Amino acid sequence: MMKQKYYLVLNDQEHRLIIESLNQLRNKLIADGKYTDAVDEVLLKIISAKQKKFKVIFKGA
């Protein structure tokens, strides 16, 4: 089975907000004595994701 790729378009503010939210969740899990493996994996993917600049062009109908 072929792995499906997804692309997420975020501006700088959204990128920062996702990282902060995941980090808060991770800290809460640590405080509760729970495993953080899944959150760690997503956090690392978001942090290490390549950033690509592109233009979005809207065309009227």
C-alpha atoms as a PDB file:
ATOM      1  CA  MET A   1       0.000   0.000   0.000  1.00  0.00           C
ATOM      2  CA  MET A   2       1.361   3.382  -0.996  1.00  0.00           C
ATOM      3  CA  LYS A   3       1.772   5.976   1.727  1.00  0.00           C
ATOM      4  CA  GLN A   4      -0.320   9.072   1.167  1.00  0.00           C
ATOM      5  CA  LYS A   5       1.288  12.501   1.626  1.00  0.00           C
ATOM      6  CA  TYR A   6      -0.477  15.556   2.920  1.00  0.00           C
ATOM      7  CA  TYR A   7       0.577  19.173   2.615  1.00  0.00           C
ATOM      8  CA  LEU A   8      -0.445  21.842   5.077  1.00  0.00           C
ATOM      9  CA  VAL A   9      -0.203  25.531   4.238  1.00  0.00           C
ATOM     10  CA  LEU A  10       0.465  27.712   7.288  1.00  0.00           C
ATOM     11  CA  ASN A  11       1.537  31.284   7.772  1.00  0.00           C
ATOM     12  CA  ASP A  12       4.141  32.129  10.429  1.00  0.00           C
ATOM     13  CA  GLN A  13       1.527  32.861  13.096  1.00  0.00           C
ATOM     14  CA  GLU A  14      -0.318  29.563  12.508  1.00  0.00           C
ATOM     15  CA  HIS A  15       2.971  27.637  12.525  1.00  0.00           C
ATOM     16  CA  ARG A  16       3.975  29.200  15.847  1.00  0.00           C
ATOM     17  CA  LEU A  17       0.512  28.579  17.349  1.00  0.00           C
ATOM     18  CA  ILE A  18       0.594  24.886  16.443  1.00  0.00           C
ATOM     19  CA  ILE A  19       4.042  24.453  18.002  1.00  0.00           C
ATOM     20  CA  GLU A  20       2.993  26.283  21.184  1.00  0.00           C
ATOM     21  CA  SER A  21      -0.215  24.231  21.460  1.00  0.00           C
ATOM     22  CA  LEU A  22       1.572  20.914  20.973  1.00  0.00           C
ATOM     23  CA  ASN A  23       4.196  21.918  23.518  1.00  0.00           C
ATOM     24  CA  GLN A  24       1.493  22.819  26.063  1.00  0.00           C
ATOM     25  CA  LEU A  25      -0.188  19.456  25.466  1.00  0.00           C
ATOM     26  CA  ARG A  26       3.165  17.717  25.895  1.00  0.00           C
ATOM     27  CA  ASN A  27       3.826  19.548  29.174  1.00  0.00           C
ATOM     28  CA  LYS A  28       0.356  18.584  30.453  1.00  0.00           C
ATOM     29  CA  LEU A  29       0.918  14.933  29.567  1.00  0.00           C
ATOM     30  CA  ILE A  30       4.283  14.994  31.360  1.00  0.00           C
ATOM     31  CA  ALA A  31       2.673  16.578  34.451  1.00  0.00           C
ATOM     32  CA  ASP A  32      -0.029  13.865  34.395  1.00  0.00           C
ATOM     33  CA  GLY A  33       2.611  11.149  34.092  1.00  0.00           C
ATOM     34  CA  LYS A  34       1.389  10.015  30.656  1.00  0.00           C
ATOM     35  CA  TYR A  35       3.318   9.068  27.529  1.00  0.00           C
ATOM     36  CA  THR A  36       4.189  11.858  25.077  1.00  0.00           C
ATOM     37  CA  ASP A  37       5.368   9.720  22.141  1.00  0.00           C
ATOM     38  CA  ALA A  38       2.591  10.683  19.718  1.00  0.00           C
ATOM     39  CA  VAL A  39       2.812  14.398  20.529  1.00  0.00           C
ATOM     40  CA  ASP A  40       6.611  14.300  20.280  1.00  0.00           C
ATOM     41  CA  GLU A  41       6.395  12.733  16.828  1.00  0.00           C
ATOM     42  CA  VAL A  42       3.972  15.363  15.486  1.00  0.00           C
ATOM     43  CA  LEU A  43       5.920  18.198  17.124  1.00  0.00           C
ATOM     44  CA  LEU A  44       9.150  17.060  15.479  1.00  0.00           C
ATOM     45  CA  LYS A  45       7.434  16.795  12.083  1.00  0.00           C
ATOM     46  CA  ILE A  46       6.044  20.326  12.367  1.00  0.00           C
ATOM     47  CA  ILE A  47       9.360  21.802  13.552  1.00  0.00           C
ATOM     48  CA  SER A  48      11.477  20.056  10.917  1.00  0.00           C
ATOM     49  CA  ALA A  49       9.064  20.553   7.995  1.00  0.00           C
ATOM     50  CA  LYS A  50      10.510  22.343   5.000  1.00  0.00           C
ATOM     51  CA  GLN A  51       9.097  25.768   4.346  1.00  0.00           C
ATOM     52  CA  LYS A  52       8.316  26.724   0.794  1.00  0.00           C
ATOM     53  CA  LYS A  53       7.189  30.132  -0.376  1.00  0.00           C
ATOM     54  CA  PHE A  54       4.633  30.404  -3.132  1.00  0.00           C
ATOM     55  CA  LYS A  55       2.044  32.794  -4.468  1.00  0.00           C
ATOM     56  CA  VAL A  56      -1.681  32.178  -4.513  1.00  0.00           C
ATOM     57  CA  ILE A  57      -3.472  33.707  -7.481  1.00  0.00           C
ATOM     58  CA  PHE A  58      -7.249  34.112  -7.333  1.00  0.00           C
ATOM     59  CA  LYS A  59      -9.080  34.293 -10.623  1.00  0.00           C
ATOM     60  CA  GLY A  60     -12.638  35.575 -10.809  1.00  0.00           C
ATOM     61  CA  ALA A  61     -15.315  33.342 -12.274  1.00  0.00           C
END
